[in-house]
PDB file of all heavy atoms in Angstrom:
ATOM      1  N   ILE A   1      -9.707  11.407  12.522  1.00  0.00           N
ATOM      2  CA  ILE A   1      -8.428  11.679  13.210  1.00  0.00           C
ATOM      3  C   ILE A   1      -8.390  10.762  14.419  1.00  0.00           C
ATOM      4  O   ILE A   1      -9.277  10.800  15.269  1.00  0.00           O
ATOM      5  CB  ILE A   1      -8.314  13.120  13.659  1.00  0.00           C
ATOM      6  CG1 ILE A   1      -8.484  14.070  12.457  1.00  0.00           C
ATOM      7  CG2 ILE A   1      -6.975  13.350  14.333  1.00  0.00           C
ATOM      8  CD1 ILE A   1      -8.584  15.539  12.845  1.00  0.00           C
ATOM      9  N   GLN A   2      -7.317   9.954  14.486  1.00  0.00           N
ATOM     10  CA  GLN A   2      -7.152   9.040  15.562  1.00  0.00           C
ATOM     11  C   GLN A   2      -5.823   9.258  16.284  1.00  0.00           C
ATOM     12  O   GLN A   2      -4.784   9.300  15.601  1.00  0.00           O
ATOM     13  CB  GLN A   2      -7.235   7.582  15.080  1.00  0.00           C
ATOM     14  CG  GLN A   2      -8.567   7.251  14.436  1.00  0.00           C
ATOM     15  CD  GLN A   2      -8.636   5.854  13.973  1.00  0.00           C
ATOM     16  OE1 GLN A   2      -8.548   4.930  14.791  1.00  0.00           O
ATOM     17  NE2 GLN A   2      -8.814   5.671  12.692  1.00  0.00           N
ATOM     18  N   ARG A   3      -5.877   9.507  17.556  1.00  0.00           N
ATOM     19  CA  ARG A   3      -4.634   9.601  18.338  1.00  0.00           C
ATOM     20  C   ARG A   3      -4.085   8.221  18.502  1.00  0.00           C
ATOM     21  O   ARG A   3      -4.782   7.294  18.907  1.00  0.00           O
ATOM     22  CB  ARG A   3      -4.946  10.272  19.698  1.00  0.00           C
ATOM     23  CG  ARG A   3      -3.717  10.559  20.486  1.00  0.00           C
ATOM     24  CD  ARG A   3      -4.055  11.226  21.827  1.00  0.00           C
ATOM     25  NE  ARG A   3      -4.709  10.281  22.714  1.00  0.00           N
ATOM     26  CZ  ARG A   3      -5.484  10.593  23.716  1.00  0.00           C
ATOM     27  NH1 ARG A   3      -5.726  11.834  23.979  1.00  0.00           N
ATOM     28  NH2 ARG A   3      -6.001   9.645  24.499  1.00  0.00           N
ATOM     29  N   VAL A   4      -2.818   8.060  18.220  1.00  0.00           N
ATOM     30  CA  VAL A   4      -2.209   6.714  18.249  1.00  0.00           C
ATOM     31  C   VAL A   4      -0.824   6.728  18.923  1.00  0.00           C
ATOM     32  O   VAL A   4      -0.229   7.785  19.094  1.00  0.00           O
ATOM     33  CB  VAL A   4      -2.041   6.191  16.818  1.00  0.00           C
ATOM     34  CG1 VAL A   4      -3.392   6.066  16.111  1.00  0.00           C
ATOM     35  CG2 VAL A   4      -1.092   7.027  15.965  1.00  0.00           C
ATOM     36  N   THR A   5      -0.392   5.520  19.283  1.00  0.00           N
ATOM     37  CA  THR A   5       0.986   5.379  19.821  1.00  0.00           C
ATOM     38  C   THR A   5       1.890   4.882  18.709  1.00  0.00           C
ATOM     39  O   THR A   5       3.124   4.866  18.924  1.00  0.00           O
ATOM     40  CB  THR A   5       0.996   4.402  21.049  1.00  0.00           C
ATOM     41  OG1 THR A   5       0.456   3.128  20.615  1.00  0.00           O
ATOM     42  CG2 THR A   5       0.188   4.965  22.188  1.00  0.00           C
ATOM     43  N   ARG A   6       1.339   4.470  17.613  1.00  0.00           N
ATOM     44  CA  ARG A   6       2.108   4.087  16.408  1.00  0.00           C
ATOM     45  C   ARG A   6       1.187   4.051  15.191  1.00  0.00           C
ATOM     46  O   ARG A   6      -0.022   3.750  15.376  1.00  0.00           O
ATOM     47  CB  ARG A   6       2.860   2.755  16.579  1.00  0.00           C
ATOM     48  CG  ARG A   6       1.958   1.593  16.814  1.00  0.00           C
ATOM     49  CD  ARG A   6       2.679   0.282  17.072  1.00  0.00           C
ATOM     50  NE  ARG A   6       2.905  -0.396  15.804  1.00  0.00           N
ATOM     51  CZ  ARG A   6       4.040  -0.931  15.404  1.00  0.00           C
ATOM     52  NH1 ARG A   6       5.097  -0.834  16.174  1.00  0.00           N
ATOM     53  NH2 ARG A   6       4.145  -1.523  14.250  1.00  0.00           N
ATOM     54  N   GLY A   7       1.711   4.365  14.050  1.00  0.00           N
ATOM     55  CA  GLY A   7       0.948   4.308  12.815  1.00  0.00           C
ATOM     56  C   GLY A   7       1.808   4.020  11.614  1.00  0.00           C
ATOM     57  O   GLY A   7       2.825   4.700  11.419  1.00  0.00           O
ATOM     58  N   TYR A   8       1.447   3.010  10.880  1.00  0.00           N
ATOM     59  CA  TYR A   8       2.215   2.620   9.663  1.00  0.00           C
ATOM     60  C   TYR A   8       1.280   2.315   8.521  1.00  0.00           C
ATOM     61  O   TYR A   8       0.128   1.838   8.783  1.00  0.00           O
ATOM     62  CB  TYR A   8       3.062   1.387   9.921  1.00  0.00           C
ATOM     63  CG  TYR A   8       4.257   1.667  10.804  1.00  0.00           C
ATOM     64  CD1 TYR A   8       4.149   1.528  12.159  1.00  0.00           C
ATOM     65  CD2 TYR A   8       5.451   2.074  10.246  1.00  0.00           C
ATOM     66  CE1 TYR A   8       5.229   1.777  12.997  1.00  0.00           C
ATOM     67  CE2 TYR A   8       6.530   2.340  11.058  1.00  0.00           C
ATOM     68  CZ  TYR A   8       6.412   2.182  12.445  1.00  0.00           C
ATOM     69  OH  TYR A   8       7.468   2.486  13.249  1.00  0.00           O
ATOM     70  N   VAL A   9       1.665   2.585   7.312  1.00  0.00           N
ATOM     71  CA  VAL A   9       0.938   2.171   6.144  1.00  0.00           C
ATOM     72  C   VAL A   9       1.870   1.242   5.356  1.00  0.00           C
ATOM     73  O   VAL A   9       3.059   1.518   5.188  1.00  0.00           O
ATOM     74  CB  VAL A   9       0.486   3.376   5.273  1.00  0.00           C
ATOM     75  CG1 VAL A   9       1.634   4.218   4.796  1.00  0.00           C
ATOM     76  CG2 VAL A   9      -0.385   2.887   4.134  1.00  0.00           C
ATOM     77  N   HIS A  10       1.300   0.110   4.932  1.00  0.00           N
ATOM     78  CA  HIS A  10       2.016  -0.886   4.157  1.00  0.00           C
ATOM     79  C   HIS A  10       1.410  -0.885   2.804  1.00  0.00           C
ATOM     80  O   HIS A  10       0.213  -1.139   2.621  1.00  0.00           O
ATOM     81  CB  HIS A  10       1.914  -2.281   4.773  1.00  0.00           C
ATOM     82  CG  HIS A  10       2.347  -2.288   6.230  1.00  0.00           C
ATOM     83  ND1 HIS A  10       3.661  -2.295   6.604  1.00  0.00           N
ATOM     84  CD2 HIS A  10       1.609  -2.252   7.378  1.00  0.00           C
ATOM     85  CE1 HIS A  10       3.735  -2.302   7.947  1.00  0.00           C
ATOM     86  NE2 HIS A  10       2.522  -2.219   8.403  1.00  0.00           N
ATOM     87  N   ILE A  11       2.241  -0.609   1.758  1.00  0.00           N
ATOM     88  CA  ILE A  11       1.763  -0.498   0.379  1.00  0.00           C
ATOM     89  C   ILE A  11       2.412  -1.606  -0.421  1.00  0.00           C
ATOM     90  O   ILE A  11       3.649  -1.795  -0.338  1.00  0.00           O
ATOM     91  CB  ILE A  11       2.120   0.872  -0.187  1.00  0.00           C
ATOM     92  CG1 ILE A  11       1.566   1.974   0.749  1.00  0.00           C
ATOM     93  CG2 ILE A  11       1.594   1.057  -1.592  1.00  0.00           C
ATOM     94  CD1 ILE A  11       2.309   3.291   0.596  1.00  0.00           C
ATOM     95  N   GLU A  12       1.614  -2.305  -1.210  1.00  0.00           N
ATOM     96  CA  GLU A  12       2.128  -3.408  -1.991  1.00  0.00           C
ATOM     97  C   GLU A  12       3.322  -2.998  -2.835  1.00  0.00           C
ATOM     98  O   GLU A  12       3.262  -2.003  -3.517  1.00  0.00           O
ATOM     99  CB  GLU A  12       1.026  -3.903  -2.927  1.00  0.00           C
ATOM    100  CG  GLU A  12       0.602  -5.362  -2.618  1.00  0.00           C
ATOM    101  CD  GLU A  12      -0.454  -5.822  -3.555  1.00  0.00           C
ATOM    102  OE1 GLU A  12      -1.614  -5.584  -3.228  1.00  0.00           O
ATOM    103  OE2 GLU A  12      -0.099  -6.405  -4.595  1.00  0.00           O
ATOM    104  N   GLY A  13       4.441  -3.727  -2.710  1.00  0.00           N
ATOM    105  CA  GLY A  13       5.632  -3.477  -3.509  1.00  0.00           C
ATOM    106  C   GLY A  13       6.451  -2.282  -3.052  1.00  0.00           C
ATOM    107  O   GLY A  13       7.419  -1.910  -3.676  1.00  0.00           O
ATOM    108  N   GLU A  14       6.077  -1.660  -1.956  1.00  0.00           N
ATOM    109  CA  GLU A  14       6.850  -0.484  -1.461  1.00  0.00           C
ATOM    110  C   GLU A  14       7.171  -0.720   0.016  1.00  0.00           C
ATOM    111  O   GLU A  14       6.610  -1.584   0.692  1.00  0.00           O
ATOM    112  CB  GLU A  14       5.973   0.822  -1.563  1.00  0.00           C
ATOM    113  CG  GLU A  14       5.658   1.172  -2.997  1.00  0.00           C
ATOM    114  CD  GLU A  14       4.916   2.496  -3.046  1.00  0.00           C
ATOM    115  OE1 GLU A  14       5.166   3.401  -2.224  1.00  0.00           O
ATOM    116  OE2 GLU A  14       4.038   2.636  -3.955  1.00  0.00           O
ATOM    117  N   ASP A  15       8.076   0.086   0.516  1.00  0.00           N
ATOM    118  CA  ASP A  15       8.429   0.026   1.954  1.00  0.00           C
ATOM    119  C   ASP A  15       7.293   0.557   2.772  1.00  0.00           C
ATOM    120  O   ASP A  15       6.473   1.371   2.298  1.00  0.00           O
ATOM    121  CB  ASP A  15       9.696   0.872   2.233  1.00  0.00           C
ATOM    122  CG  ASP A  15      10.953   0.284   1.610  1.00  0.00           C
ATOM    123  OD1 ASP A  15      11.000  -0.951   1.412  1.00  0.00           O
ATOM    124  OD2 ASP A  15      11.859   1.055   1.325  1.00  0.00           O
ATOM    125  N   SER A  16       7.251   0.142   4.020  1.00  0.00           N
ATOM    126  CA  SER A  16       6.275   0.701   4.968  1.00  0.00           C
ATOM    127  C   SER A  16       6.689   2.123   5.348  1.00  0.00           C
ATOM    128  O   SER A  16       7.838   2.448   5.340  1.00  0.00           O
ATOM    129  CB  SER A  16       6.222  -0.165   6.239  1.00  0.00           C
ATOM    130  OG  SER A  16       5.789  -1.470   5.933  1.00  0.00           O
ATOM    131  N   ARG A  17       5.660   2.911   5.673  1.00  0.00           N
ATOM    132  CA  ARG A  17       5.908   4.305   6.052  1.00  0.00           C
ATOM    133  C   ARG A  17       5.165   4.566   7.339  1.00  0.00           C
ATOM    134  O   ARG A  17       4.043   4.089   7.516  1.00  0.00           O
ATOM    135  CB  ARG A  17       5.384   5.278   4.988  1.00  0.00           C
ATOM    136  CG  ARG A  17       5.925   5.040   3.602  1.00  0.00           C
ATOM    137  CD  ARG A  17       5.225   5.888   2.607  1.00  0.00           C
ATOM    138  NE  ARG A  17       5.559   5.468   1.226  1.00  0.00           N
ATOM    139  CZ  ARG A  17       4.873   5.768   0.187  1.00  0.00           C
ATOM    140  NH1 ARG A  17       3.792   6.505   0.284  1.00  0.00           N
ATOM    141  NH2 ARG A  17       5.287   5.358  -0.974  1.00  0.00           N
ATOM    142  N   GLY A  18       5.760   5.291   8.237  1.00  0.00           N
ATOM    143  CA  GLY A  18       5.067   5.613   9.435  1.00  0.00           C
ATOM    144  C   GLY A  18       5.966   5.887  10.633  1.00  0.00           C
ATOM    145  O   GLY A  18       7.130   6.196  10.453  1.00  0.00           O
ATOM    146  N   PHE A  19       5.411   5.728  11.831  1.00  0.00           N
ATOM    147  CA  PHE A  19       6.143   6.156  13.042  1.00  0.00           C
ATOM    148  C   PHE A  19       5.742   5.318  14.239  1.00  0.00           C
ATOM    149  O   PHE A  19       4.649   4.754  14.285  1.00  0.00           O
ATOM    150  CB  PHE A  19       5.849   7.632  13.314  1.00  0.00           C
ATOM    151  CG  PHE A  19       4.396   7.939  13.529  1.00  0.00           C
ATOM    152  CD1 PHE A  19       3.806   7.844  14.791  1.00  0.00           C
ATOM    153  CD2 PHE A  19       3.551   8.254  12.464  1.00  0.00           C
ATOM    154  CE1 PHE A  19       2.494   8.079  14.997  1.00  0.00           C
ATOM    155  CE2 PHE A  19       2.176   8.485  12.654  1.00  0.00           C
ATOM    156  CZ  PHE A  19       1.645   8.431  13.914  1.00  0.00           C
ATOM    157  N   SER A  20       6.626   5.287  15.212  1.00  0.00           N
ATOM    158  CA  SER A  20       6.332   4.791  16.559  1.00  0.00           C
ATOM    159  C   SER A  20       6.424   5.956  17.496  1.00  0.00           C
ATOM    160  O   SER A  20       7.345   6.786  17.376  1.00  0.00           O
ATOM    161  CB  SER A  20       7.341   3.705  16.973  1.00  0.00           C
ATOM    162  OG  SER A  20       7.143   2.555  16.228  1.00  0.00           O
ATOM    163  N   GLY A  21       5.528   6.021  18.451  1.00  0.00           N
ATOM    164  CA  GLY A  21       5.486   7.141  19.377  1.00  0.00           C
ATOM    165  C   GLY A  21       4.162   7.899  19.174  1.00  0.00           C
ATOM    166  O   GLY A  21       3.444   7.653  18.246  1.00  0.00           O
ATOM    167  N   PRO A  22       3.870   8.849  20.064  1.00  0.00           N
ATOM    168  CA  PRO A  22       2.597   9.570  19.957  1.00  0.00           C
ATOM    169  C   PRO A  22       2.470  10.350  18.669  1.00  0.00           C
ATOM    170  O   PRO A  22       3.419  11.021  18.204  1.00  0.00           O
ATOM    171  CB  PRO A  22       2.624  10.492  21.157  1.00  0.00           C
ATOM    172  CG  PRO A  22       3.763  10.110  22.014  1.00  0.00           C
ATOM    173  CD  PRO A  22       4.697   9.287  21.184  1.00  0.00           C
ATOM    174  N   GLY A  23       1.322  10.249  18.057  1.00  0.00           N
ATOM    175  CA  GLY A  23       1.039  10.965  16.823  1.00  0.00           C
ATOM    176  C   GLY A  23      -0.411  10.762  16.444  1.00  0.00           C
ATOM    177  O   GLY A  23      -1.255  10.351  17.279  1.00  0.00           O
ATOM    178  N   VAL A  24      -0.778  11.065  15.179  1.00  0.00           N
ATOM    179  CA  VAL A  24      -2.110  10.846  14.730  1.00  0.00           C
ATOM    180  C   VAL A  24      -2.138  10.144  13.372  1.00  0.00           C
ATOM    181  O   VAL A  24      -1.219  10.349  12.539  1.00  0.00           O
ATOM    182  CB  VAL A  24      -2.919  12.162  14.611  1.00  0.00           C
ATOM    183  CG1 VAL A  24      -3.149  12.786  15.993  1.00  0.00           C
ATOM    184  CG2 VAL A  24      -2.312  13.155  13.665  1.00  0.00           C
ATOM    185  N   VAL A  25      -3.146   9.342  13.195  1.00  0.00           N
ATOM    186  CA  VAL A  25      -3.449   8.747  11.865  1.00  0.00           C
ATOM    187  C   VAL A  25      -4.709   9.447  11.401  1.00  0.00           C
ATOM    188  O   VAL A  25      -5.696   9.539  12.125  1.00  0.00           O
ATOM    189  CB  VAL A  25      -3.644   7.204  11.958  1.00  0.00           C
ATOM    190  CG1 VAL A  25      -4.206   6.703  10.614  1.00  0.00           C
ATOM    191  CG2 VAL A  25      -2.375   6.515  12.319  1.00  0.00           C
ATOM    192  N   VAL A  26      -4.659   9.969  10.150  1.00  0.00           N
ATOM    193  CA  VAL A  26      -5.811  10.689   9.564  1.00  0.00           C
ATOM    194  C   VAL A  26      -6.204   9.941   8.311  1.00  0.00           C
ATOM    195  O   VAL A  26      -5.405   9.754   7.388  1.00  0.00           O
ATOM    196  CB  VAL A  26      -5.442  12.150   9.274  1.00  0.00           C
ATOM    197  CG1 VAL A  26      -6.685  12.836   8.647  1.00  0.00           C
ATOM    198  CG2 VAL A  26      -4.949  12.873  10.499  1.00  0.00           C
ATOM    199  N   LEU A  27      -7.487   9.551   8.233  1.00  0.00           N
ATOM    200  CA  LEU A  27      -8.079   9.014   7.035  1.00  0.00           C
ATOM    201  C   LEU A  27      -8.881  10.115   6.427  1.00  0.00           C
ATOM    202  O   LEU A  27      -9.726  10.745   7.085  1.00  0.00           O
ATOM    203  CB  LEU A  27      -8.995   7.820   7.389  1.00  0.00           C
ATOM    204  CG  LEU A  27      -8.310   6.717   8.195  1.00  0.00           C
ATOM    205  CD1 LEU A  27      -9.316   5.660   8.599  1.00  0.00           C
ATOM    206  CD2 LEU A  27      -7.130   6.124   7.510  1.00  0.00           C
ATOM    207  N   LEU A  28      -8.606  10.481   5.168  1.00  0.00           N
ATOM    208  CA  LEU A  28      -9.177  11.656   4.492  1.00  0.00           C
ATOM    209  C   LEU A  28     -10.020  11.284   3.311  1.00  0.00           C
ATOM    210  O   LEU A  28      -9.574  10.572   2.390  1.00  0.00           O
ATOM    211  CB  LEU A  28      -8.041  12.582   4.053  1.00  0.00           C
ATOM    212  CG  LEU A  28      -8.464  13.897   3.450  1.00  0.00           C
ATOM    213  CD1 LEU A  28      -9.075  14.820   4.528  1.00  0.00           C
ATOM    214  CD2 LEU A  28      -7.306  14.577   2.762  1.00  0.00           C
ATOM    215  N   GLY A  29     -11.285  11.738   3.322  1.00  0.00           N
ATOM    216  CA  GLY A  29     -12.183  11.532   2.186  1.00  0.00           C
ATOM    217  C   GLY A  29     -12.517  12.856   1.573  1.00  0.00           C
ATOM    218  O   GLY A  29     -12.762  13.846   2.284  1.00  0.00           O
ATOM    219  N   VAL A  30     -12.575  12.883   0.242  1.00  0.00           N
ATOM    220  CA  VAL A  30     -12.933  14.126  -0.488  1.00  0.00           C
ATOM    221  C   VAL A  30     -14.196  13.896  -1.253  1.00  0.00           C
ATOM    222  O   VAL A  30     -14.404  12.812  -1.874  1.00  0.00           O
ATOM    223  CB  VAL A  30     -11.767  14.445  -1.481  1.00  0.00           C
ATOM    224  CG1 VAL A  30     -12.095  15.700  -2.317  1.00  0.00           C
ATOM    225  CG2 VAL A  30     -10.426  14.632  -0.743  1.00  0.00           C
ATOM    226  N   THR A  31     -15.083  14.895  -1.254  1.00  0.00           N
ATOM    227  CA  THR A  31     -16.357  14.803  -1.979  1.00  0.00           C
ATOM    228  C   THR A  31     -16.427  15.878  -3.067  1.00  0.00           C
ATOM    229  O   THR A  31     -15.535  16.781  -3.129  1.00  0.00           O
ATOM    230  CB  THR A  31     -17.543  14.903  -1.036  1.00  0.00           C
ATOM    231  OG1 THR A  31     -18.758  14.523  -1.717  1.00  0.00           O
ATOM    232  CG2 THR A  31     -17.697  16.279  -0.408  1.00  0.00           C
ATOM    233  N   HIS A  32     -17.436  15.804  -3.861  1.00  0.00           N
ATOM    234  CA  HIS A  32     -17.658  16.773  -4.924  1.00  0.00           C
ATOM    235  C   HIS A  32     -17.810  18.185  -4.329  1.00  0.00           C
ATOM    236  O   HIS A  32     -18.446  18.337  -3.277  1.00  0.00           O
ATOM    237  CB  HIS A  32     -18.935  16.421  -5.727  1.00  0.00           C
ATOM    238  CG  HIS A  32     -18.916  14.984  -6.184  1.00  0.00           C
ATOM    239  ND1 HIS A  32     -18.274  14.581  -7.286  1.00  0.00           N
ATOM    240  CD2 HIS A  32     -19.467  13.886  -5.618  1.00  0.00           C
ATOM    241  CE1 HIS A  32     -18.431  13.300  -7.438  1.00  0.00           C
ATOM    242  NE2 HIS A  32     -19.130  12.812  -6.407  1.00  0.00           N
ATOM    243  N   GLY A  33     -17.271  19.153  -4.947  1.00  0.00           N
ATOM    244  CA  GLY A  33     -17.427  20.522  -4.467  1.00  0.00           C
ATOM    245  C   GLY A  33     -16.407  20.947  -3.412  1.00  0.00           C
ATOM    246  O   GLY A  33     -16.362  22.093  -3.052  1.00  0.00           O
ATOM    247  N   ASP A  34     -15.572  20.032  -2.942  1.00  0.00           N
ATOM    248  CA  ASP A  34     -14.521  20.403  -2.029  1.00  0.00           C
ATOM    249  C   ASP A  34     -13.505  21.267  -2.762  1.00  0.00           C
ATOM    250  O   ASP A  34     -13.263  21.092  -3.966  1.00  0.00           O
ATOM    251  CB  ASP A  34     -13.810  19.182  -1.454  1.00  0.00           C
ATOM    252  CG  ASP A  34     -14.581  18.523  -0.295  1.00  0.00           C
ATOM    253  OD1 ASP A  34     -15.576  19.145   0.162  1.00  0.00           O
ATOM    254  OD2 ASP A  34     -14.289  17.395   0.045  1.00  0.00           O
ATOM    255  N   GLY A  35     -12.876  22.200  -1.993  1.00  0.00           N
ATOM    256  CA  GLY A  35     -11.874  23.084  -2.596  1.00  0.00           C
ATOM    257  C   GLY A  35     -10.948  23.620  -1.536  1.00  0.00           C
ATOM    258  O   GLY A  35     -10.755  23.001  -0.453  1.00  0.00           O
ATOM    259  N   GLN A  36     -10.363  24.785  -1.788  1.00  0.00           N
ATOM    260  CA  GLN A  36      -9.339  25.320  -0.914  1.00  0.00           C
ATOM    261  C   GLN A  36      -9.879  25.611   0.497  1.00  0.00           C
ATOM    262  O   GLN A  36      -9.146  25.436   1.468  1.00  0.00           O
ATOM    263  CB  GLN A  36      -8.730  26.610  -1.528  1.00  0.00           C
ATOM    264  CG  GLN A  36      -7.485  27.086  -0.811  1.00  0.00           C
ATOM    265  CD  GLN A  36      -6.394  26.054  -0.885  1.00  0.00           C
ATOM    266  OE1 GLN A  36      -6.055  25.556  -1.964  1.00  0.00           O
ATOM    267  NE2 GLN A  36      -5.781  25.738   0.224  1.00  0.00           N
ATOM    268  N   ALA A  37     -11.135  26.065   0.594  1.00  0.00           N
ATOM    269  CA  ALA A  37     -11.689  26.335   1.940  1.00  0.00           C
ATOM    270  C   ALA A  37     -11.700  25.095   2.813  1.00  0.00           C
ATOM    271  O   ALA A  37     -11.377  25.126   3.992  1.00  0.00           O
ATOM    272  CB  ALA A  37     -13.082  26.946   1.833  1.00  0.00           C
ATOM    273  N   GLN A  38     -12.068  23.939   2.207  1.00  0.00           N
ATOM    274  CA  GLN A  38     -12.106  22.684   2.963  1.00  0.00           C
ATOM    275  C   GLN A  38     -10.711  22.196   3.284  1.00  0.00           C
ATOM    276  O   GLN A  38     -10.432  21.720   4.387  1.00  0.00           O
ATOM    277  CB  GLN A  38     -12.874  21.602   2.200  1.00  0.00           C
ATOM    278  CG  GLN A  38     -14.364  21.868   2.086  1.00  0.00           C
ATOM    279  CD  GLN A  38     -14.752  22.980   1.132  1.00  0.00           C
ATOM    280  OE1 GLN A  38     -14.078  23.234   0.169  1.00  0.00           O
ATOM    281  NE2 GLN A  38     -15.844  23.610   1.393  1.00  0.00           N
TER     282      GLN A  38
END
């Protein structure tokens, strides 16, 4: 979790998505055995 002043994702062949202003960028990884509790 990173506190940011702007965050955008650029995806090949698609429009950019994101925001300017205070917010957070979250990079999420999932491992084996993760479920609803996680």
